[in-house]
C-alpha cells in the first residue's frame, strides 16, 4: 500500500487536502480527480475509503409512496445499500427546504451523495441547480435530464411511450386519447412527446381533441369522464401510467363499454397489479427496482472513481395483454 507522502507527491495536491480526502471528506472536484488518479496509479483502492461510515440520502417528495413504482425504487436502493454496508437516510425535500438543506451541506459530514426519486419538474430543477452548485455527487432516478452535469439512471420514457402508441396505431387505431400534466411533471412531458413521436413515425398527425393537457388543479378523473363522453369517442386510450389506464378501464366499464372490444387501453410502468387486473393490462415495463440498485452502484462510482457525471438508460419492454 502506498504511503500518504507518495499520494501527495504524485497528485500534486496539498497535504491538508489529501488528508481531508483520506478521511472521507469532500474536496474540490479537481483535487479529487488528481488524488484518485494518483491512488489508482499507485495501486490503492479508493473504495476502501468511502465504504466506511458512508451515508446516502434518498431525496423524495411528500406522499411519494402512493406510487408503487417509487416504492420499488427505494426497495432496490435499500437492498443494495445494505449489501454494500452503506447507511441510507430518507429525506422529504421540496421547495424552500431544498435551498435550506443544501446551503447547510457539509463536506465533513458522512453523507456523501444523494439519490433523487419522484420529484415534480419545479422541485427537481431546483434540486439539480443546488447539487451542481455544491458539487454533490448525485443520481436522479427515471428522469432523463439534458444538463451535461446532471447524473441519472432512467428508462427512455419518450421512446417507451412512442413504442406502445405505435403498437396501437399498427393495430388500426387513429383516435387515441391520452392525458397528463406536462407543465408540472418532466416524465409526463416526455411521455406525451413520445405519443406525438409515434404518430409522426407512422406518417400521421395526432388529433389534438384526444390529447388532454392538464394543469395543477385539473382532475384526471374529470378528464377521463370527458373522454368517455366525447361524441366522437376514441377507439383507444394511452394511459401514461398504469393507474390512469386502470382508472379508465373502471370508468369505461361503468359506462357500459367493453375493453378491448369497444375501446382498447394501454398503460406504462407494469406495476405488479397490471397483470392481475381485469382485463389484464397491456403496458410498458419499467424496471423500477433495478434502477434503484443501479443508482447506488453509480453513485459509488461517482464517489470512488475519476468520474464527473453518469447518464444511463435501462431497457423497457412491452407486455401485450387482454386490454388490447
Protein backbone atom coordinates (compact mmCIF):
# COMPACT_ATOMS: atom_id res chain seq x y z
CA UNK A 1 0.00 0.00 0.00
CA UNK A 2 1.46 3.41 -0.92
CA UNK A 3 2.25 5.95 1.76
CA UNK A 4 0.40 9.22 2.08
CA UNK A 5 3.54 11.06 1.04
CA UNK A 6 3.54 9.13 -2.25
CA UNK A 7 -0.05 10.20 -2.94
CA UNK A 8 0.77 13.84 -2.15
CA UNK A 9 3.80 13.84 -4.41
CA UNK A 10 2.14 12.05 -7.33
CA UNK A 11 -1.12 14.02 -7.20
CA UNK A 12 0.44 17.45 -6.74
CA UNK A 13 -2.32 18.25 -4.23
CA UNK A 14 -1.64 19.88 -0.86
CA UNK A 15 -1.07 17.73 2.20
CA UNK A 16 -4.16 19.06 4.02
CA UNK A 17 -6.41 18.35 1.03
CA UNK A 18 -5.11 14.78 0.68
CA UNK A 19 -5.70 14.15 4.41
CA UNK A 20 -9.25 15.53 4.15
CA UNK A 21 -9.89 13.23 1.20
CA UNK A 22 -8.46 10.21 3.05
CA UNK A 23 -10.77 10.94 6.00
CA UNK A 24 -13.68 10.69 3.58
CA UNK A 25 -14.46 14.40 3.42
CA UNK A 26 -15.45 16.04 0.16
CA UNK A 27 -12.81 18.13 -1.61
CA UNK A 28 -12.74 20.27 -4.75
CA UNK A 29 -13.55 18.20 -7.88
CA UNK A 30 -10.17 18.99 -9.48
CA UNK A 31 -8.27 17.91 -6.37
CA UNK A 32 -10.42 14.82 -6.00
CA UNK A 33 -9.66 13.77 -9.58
CA UNK A 34 -5.93 14.23 -9.10
CA UNK A 35 -5.88 12.26 -5.84
CA UNK A 36 -7.97 9.41 -7.22
CA UNK A 37 -5.80 9.21 -10.34
CA UNK A 38 -2.64 9.14 -8.23
CA UNK A 39 -4.04 6.45 -5.93
CA UNK A 40 -5.11 4.29 -8.85
CA UNK A 41 -1.67 4.57 -10.46
CA UNK A 42 -0.14 3.59 -7.12
CA UNK A 43 -2.42 0.57 -6.87
CA UNK A 44 -4.54 1.85 -3.98
CA UNK A 45 -8.29 1.15 -3.85
CA UNK A 46 -10.27 4.32 -3.29
CA UNK A 47 -13.39 2.33 -2.48
CA UNK A 48 -11.92 1.36 0.87
CA UNK A 49 -12.19 5.00 1.92
CA UNK A 50 -15.79 5.62 1.05
CA UNK A 51 -17.37 2.37 2.12
CA UNK A 52 -16.65 3.17 5.77
CA UNK A 53 -19.42 5.09 7.56
CA UNK A 54 -20.87 6.34 4.26
CA UNK A 55 -24.42 7.72 4.30
CA UNK A 56 -26.51 8.20 1.16
CA UNK A 57 -29.66 10.31 1.13
CA UNK A 58 -32.81 9.41 -0.79
CA UNK A 59 -34.48 12.73 -1.54
CA UNK A 60 -38.24 12.41 -2.13
CA UNK A 61 -41.44 14.43 -2.13
CA UNK A 62 -44.16 14.01 0.46
CA UNK A 63 -46.51 11.07 -0.23
CA UNK A 64 -44.08 9.62 -2.77
CA UNK A 65 -45.02 6.10 -1.64
CA UNK A 66 -48.51 6.45 -3.12
CA UNK A 67 -46.99 5.46 -6.44
CA UNK A 68 -45.82 1.86 -6.11
CA UNK A 69 -43.07 2.31 -8.68
CA UNK A 70 -41.24 4.71 -6.39
CA UNK A 71 -41.58 2.23 -3.54
CA UNK A 72 -39.86 -0.37 -5.72
CA UNK A 73 -37.04 2.09 -6.46
CA UNK A 74 -36.49 2.68 -2.75
CA UNK A 75 -36.56 -1.06 -2.13
CA UNK A 76 -33.82 -1.54 -4.71
CA UNK A 77 -31.75 1.26 -3.15
CA UNK A 78 -32.04 -0.04 0.40
CA UNK A 79 -31.30 -3.65 -0.51
CA UNK A 80 -28.21 -2.67 -2.49
CA UNK A 81 -27.01 -0.27 0.19
CA UNK A 82 -27.37 -2.95 2.86
CA UNK A 83 -25.26 -5.32 0.77
CA UNK A 84 -22.59 -2.61 0.44
CA UNK A 85 -22.77 -1.75 4.18
CA UNK A 86 -23.91 1.78 3.39
CA UNK A 87 -26.38 3.69 5.52
CA UNK A 88 -29.48 5.26 3.97
CA UNK A 89 -31.45 8.30 5.05
CA UNK A 90 -34.86 9.09 3.55
CA UNK A 91 -35.32 12.87 3.31
CA UNK A 92 -38.53 14.66 2.33
CA UNK A 93 -37.25 17.71 0.49
CA UNK A 94 -39.30 20.19 -1.57
CA UNK A 95 -39.50 23.93 -2.17
CA UNK A 96 -37.58 26.12 0.28
CA UNK A 97 -36.40 23.03 2.13
CA UNK A 98 -34.19 22.18 -0.86
CA UNK A 99 -32.39 25.53 -0.57
CA UNK A 100 -32.06 25.32 3.22
CA UNK A 101 -30.71 21.77 3.21
CA UNK A 102 -28.08 22.31 0.54
CA UNK A 103 -26.95 25.65 1.95
CA UNK A 104 -26.08 23.70 5.11
CA UNK A 105 -24.45 20.79 3.27
CA UNK A 106 -21.13 19.98 4.96
CA UNK A 107 -18.17 18.39 3.28
CA UNK A 108 -17.19 16.97 6.66
CA UNK A 109 -20.44 15.05 7.02
CA UNK A 110 -20.64 11.30 6.46
CA UNK A 111 -23.40 11.98 3.94
CA UNK A 112 -21.60 11.71 0.60
CA UNK A 113 -24.30 11.74 -2.07
CA UNK A 114 -27.97 11.98 -2.96
CA UNK A 115 -30.38 9.81 -4.95
CA UNK A 116 -33.42 11.81 -6.10
CA UNK A 117 -36.70 9.98 -6.62
CA UNK A 118 -40.11 11.14 -7.84
CA UNK A 119 -39.91 14.93 -7.85
CA UNK A 120 -42.06 17.25 -9.92
CA UNK A 121 -40.43 19.42 -12.58
CA UNK A 122 -40.11 22.54 -10.42
CA UNK A 123 -38.51 20.76 -7.46
CA UNK A 124 -36.17 18.53 -9.44
CA UNK A 125 -34.97 21.55 -11.44
CA UNK A 126 -34.26 23.46 -8.23
CA UNK A 127 -32.55 20.47 -6.64
CA UNK A 128 -30.38 19.91 -9.72
CA UNK A 129 -29.21 23.53 -9.54
CA UNK A 130 -28.13 23.15 -5.92
CA UNK A 131 -26.45 19.79 -6.47
CA UNK A 132 -24.36 21.38 -9.24
CA UNK A 133 -23.60 24.47 -7.18
CA UNK A 134 -22.37 22.43 -4.21
CA UNK A 135 -20.63 19.74 -6.33
CA UNK A 136 -22.62 17.00 -4.59
CA UNK A 137 -22.47 13.51 -6.16
CA UNK A 138 -25.99 12.52 -7.14
CA UNK A 139 -28.22 10.31 -9.27
CA UNK A 140 -31.73 11.17 -10.47
CA UNK A 141 -33.92 8.08 -10.91
CA UNK A 142 -36.12 7.72 -14.01
CA UNK A 143 -35.58 11.27 -15.18
CA UNK A 144 -33.76 11.96 -18.45
CA UNK A 145 -32.16 15.37 -17.83
CA UNK A 146 -30.30 17.07 -20.66
CA UNK A 147 -27.90 19.09 -18.48
CA UNK A 148 -24.42 17.58 -19.06
CA UNK A 149 -23.54 17.87 -15.35
CA UNK A 150 -26.60 16.02 -14.04
CA UNK A 151 -26.38 12.25 -13.48
CA UNK A 152 -29.29 9.85 -13.89
CA UNK A 153 -30.39 6.27 -14.41
CA UNK A 154 -33.65 6.07 -16.32
CA UNK A 155 -35.81 4.40 -18.89
CA UNK A 156 -36.11 6.38 -22.11
CA UNK A 157 -39.77 7.05 -21.36
CA UNK A 158 -40.23 9.08 -24.53
CA UNK A 159 -39.12 6.11 -26.63
CA UNK A 160 -41.18 3.73 -24.48
CA UNK A 161 -44.31 5.84 -24.97
CA UNK A 162 -43.64 6.02 -28.69
CA UNK A 163 -43.34 2.23 -28.87
CA UNK A 164 -46.64 1.47 -27.17
CA UNK A 165 -48.61 4.15 -29.04
CA UNK A 166 -47.08 2.88 -32.28
CA UNK A 167 -48.37 -0.57 -31.31
CA UNK A 168 -51.90 0.87 -31.08
CA UNK A 169 -51.53 2.62 -34.44
CA UNK A 170 -50.29 -0.57 -36.08
CA UNK A 171 -53.43 -2.26 -34.78
CA UNK A 172 -55.61 0.22 -36.66
CA UNK A 173 -56.20 2.89 -34.02
CA UNK A 174 -56.07 6.54 -35.02
CA UNK A 175 -58.31 8.15 -32.40
CA UNK A 176 -56.10 7.57 -29.35
CA UNK A 177 -56.87 9.59 -26.23
CA UNK A 178 -54.36 10.48 -23.52
CA UNK A 179 -53.85 12.92 -20.67
CA UNK A 180 -51.09 14.30 -18.48
CA UNK A 181 -49.51 17.23 -16.67
CA UNK A 182 -46.54 18.17 -18.93
CA UNK A 183 -46.02 21.60 -17.37
CA UNK A 184 -45.74 20.10 -13.88
CA UNK A 185 -44.02 16.77 -14.48
CA UNK A 186 -40.99 16.14 -16.68
CA UNK A 187 -41.99 12.48 -17.07
CA UNK A 188 -45.47 13.44 -18.32
CA UNK A 189 -43.90 15.89 -20.76
CA UNK A 190 -41.59 13.21 -22.14
CA UNK A 191 -44.31 10.55 -22.41
CA UNK A 192 -46.68 12.90 -24.22
CA UNK A 193 -43.83 13.82 -26.57
CA UNK A 194 -43.48 10.07 -27.26
CA UNK A 195 -47.19 9.95 -28.09
CA UNK A 196 -46.61 12.64 -30.75
CA UNK A 197 -43.47 10.84 -31.98
CA UNK A 198 -45.46 7.66 -32.69
CA UNK A 199 -47.89 9.45 -34.99
CA UNK A 200 -45.07 11.24 -36.80
CA UNK A 201 -43.18 7.97 -37.19
CA UNK A 202 -46.23 6.42 -38.83
CA UNK A 203 -46.74 9.41 -41.13
CA UNK A 204 -49.86 10.55 -39.30
CA UNK A 205 -50.94 13.61 -37.35
CA UNK A 206 -52.39 13.18 -33.87
CA UNK A 207 -55.84 14.70 -33.38
CA UNK A 208 -55.44 17.33 -30.66
CA UNK A 209 -59.01 16.73 -29.48
CA UNK A 210 -57.86 13.50 -27.86
CA UNK A 211 -54.84 14.92 -26.05
CA UNK A 212 -55.84 16.38 -22.69
CA UNK A 213 -53.20 18.75 -21.28
CA UNK A 214 -53.98 19.18 -17.57
CA UNK A 215 -52.88 21.89 -15.18
CA UNK A 216 -52.36 21.92 -11.44
CA UNK A 217 -55.98 21.98 -10.31
CA UNK A 218 -57.34 19.84 -13.13
CA UNK A 219 -58.55 16.37 -12.23
CA UNK A 220 -57.51 13.26 -14.15
CA UNK A 221 -60.86 11.71 -13.22
CA UNK A 222 -62.74 14.61 -14.82
CA UNK A 223 -60.57 14.30 -17.94
CA UNK A 224 -61.35 10.58 -18.22
CA UNK A 225 -65.05 11.29 -17.82
CA UNK A 226 -64.83 13.90 -20.58
CA UNK A 227 -63.03 11.47 -22.90
CA UNK A 228 -65.66 8.80 -22.39
CA UNK A 229 -68.44 11.31 -23.10
CA UNK A 230 -66.92 12.56 -26.36
CA UNK A 231 -69.34 12.47 -29.28
CA UNK A 232 -66.61 11.07 -31.50
CA UNK A 233 -65.26 8.72 -28.86
CA UNK A 234 -61.69 7.43 -29.22
CA UNK A 235 -61.06 3.80 -30.07
CA UNK A 236 -58.07 3.57 -27.72
CA UNK A 237 -56.69 5.18 -24.58
CA UNK A 238 -52.99 5.63 -23.80
CA UNK A 239 -52.51 5.85 -20.04
CA UNK A 240 -49.11 7.42 -19.38
CA UNK A 241 -49.11 5.41 -16.15
CA UNK A 242 -50.88 2.19 -15.17
CA UNK A 243 -53.04 3.97 -12.61
CA UNK A 244 -54.58 6.19 -15.32
CA UNK A 245 -55.13 3.14 -17.54
CA UNK A 246 -56.83 1.12 -14.80
CA UNK A 247 -58.94 4.10 -13.74
CA UNK A 248 -60.01 4.50 -17.35
CA UNK A 249 -60.97 0.82 -17.62
CA UNK A 250 -63.10 1.01 -14.47
CA UNK A 251 -64.92 4.10 -15.71
CA UNK A 252 -65.36 2.60 -19.17
CA UNK A 253 -66.98 -0.49 -17.65
CA UNK A 254 -69.27 1.71 -15.54
CA UNK A 255 -70.29 3.49 -18.75
CA UNK A 256 -71.27 0.15 -20.30
CA UNK A 257 -68.23 -0.14 -22.58
CA UNK A 258 -66.21 -3.30 -23.09
CA UNK A 259 -62.42 -3.33 -23.04
CA UNK A 260 -60.94 -4.04 -25.53
CA UNK A 261 -63.99 -4.68 -27.77
CA UNK A 262 -65.28 -1.10 -27.63
CA UNK A 263 -62.08 0.65 -26.63
CA UNK A 264 -58.51 -0.60 -26.24
CA UNK A 265 -56.41 0.54 -23.26
CA UNK A 266 -52.66 0.58 -22.61
CA UNK A 267 -50.59 1.82 -19.69
CA UNK A 268 -46.98 2.39 -18.69
CA UNK A 269 -44.92 1.02 -15.72
CA UNK A 270 -46.14 -2.61 -15.47
CA UNK A 271 -46.89 -2.50 -11.77
CA UNK A 272 -47.50 -5.89 -10.18
CA UNK A 273 -51.26 -5.41 -10.26
CA UNK A 274 -51.29 -4.79 -14.03
CA UNK A 275 -51.11 -8.46 -14.99
CA UNK A 276 -53.85 -9.41 -12.49
CA UNK A 277 -56.22 -6.57 -13.37
CA UNK A 278 -59.40 -7.44 -15.32
CA UNK A 279 -58.76 -7.31 -18.18
CA UNK A 280 -55.01 -7.80 -17.77
CA UNK A 281 -53.33 -4.56 -18.80
CA UNK A 282 -51.15 -4.12 -21.86
CA UNK A 283 -48.31 -1.90 -20.68
CA UNK A 284 -44.63 -0.97 -20.80
CA UNK A 285 -42.43 -2.48 -18.11
CA UNK A 286 -40.23 -0.03 -16.23
CA UNK A 287 -37.63 -1.87 -14.07
CA UNK A 288 -38.00 0.36 -11.01
CA UNK A 289 -36.20 -1.88 -8.52
CA UNK A 290 -33.31 -2.41 -10.94
CA UNK A 291 -32.93 1.35 -11.31
CA UNK A 292 -32.73 1.66 -7.52
CA UNK A 293 -29.92 -0.91 -7.43
CA UNK A 294 -28.07 0.81 -10.26
CA UNK A 295 -28.50 4.21 -8.60
CA UNK A 296 -26.46 3.00 -5.62
CA UNK A 297 -23.78 1.42 -7.81
CA UNK A 298 -23.41 4.52 -9.99
CA UNK A 299 -23.33 6.88 -7.01
CA UNK A 300 -20.47 4.82 -5.55
CA UNK A 301 -18.67 5.10 -8.88
CA UNK A 302 -19.03 8.88 -8.75
CA UNK A 303 -17.56 8.81 -5.24
CA UNK A 304 -14.68 6.43 -5.83
CA UNK A 305 -13.65 6.80 -9.47
CA UNK A 306 -12.46 9.60 -11.71
CA UNK A 307 -15.96 10.40 -12.96
CA UNK A 308 -17.92 13.64 -13.02
CA UNK A 309 -21.26 12.52 -14.45
CA UNK A 310 -23.06 9.27 -15.29
CA UNK A 311 -26.06 9.06 -17.61
CA UNK A 312 -27.51 5.57 -18.06
CA UNK A 313 -30.60 4.35 -19.89
CA UNK A 314 -32.07 0.97 -18.95
CA UNK A 315 -34.24 -1.07 -21.28
CA UNK A 316 -38.03 -1.08 -21.27
CA UNK A 317 -40.23 -3.84 -22.69
CA UNK A 318 -43.80 -4.10 -23.97
CA UNK A 319 -46.16 -6.59 -22.36
CA UNK A 320 -49.19 -7.27 -24.56
CA UNK A 321 -52.21 -8.50 -22.59
CA UNK A 322 -56.01 -8.64 -22.68
CA UNK A 323 -56.77 -4.90 -22.60
CA UNK A 324 -55.80 -4.58 -26.27
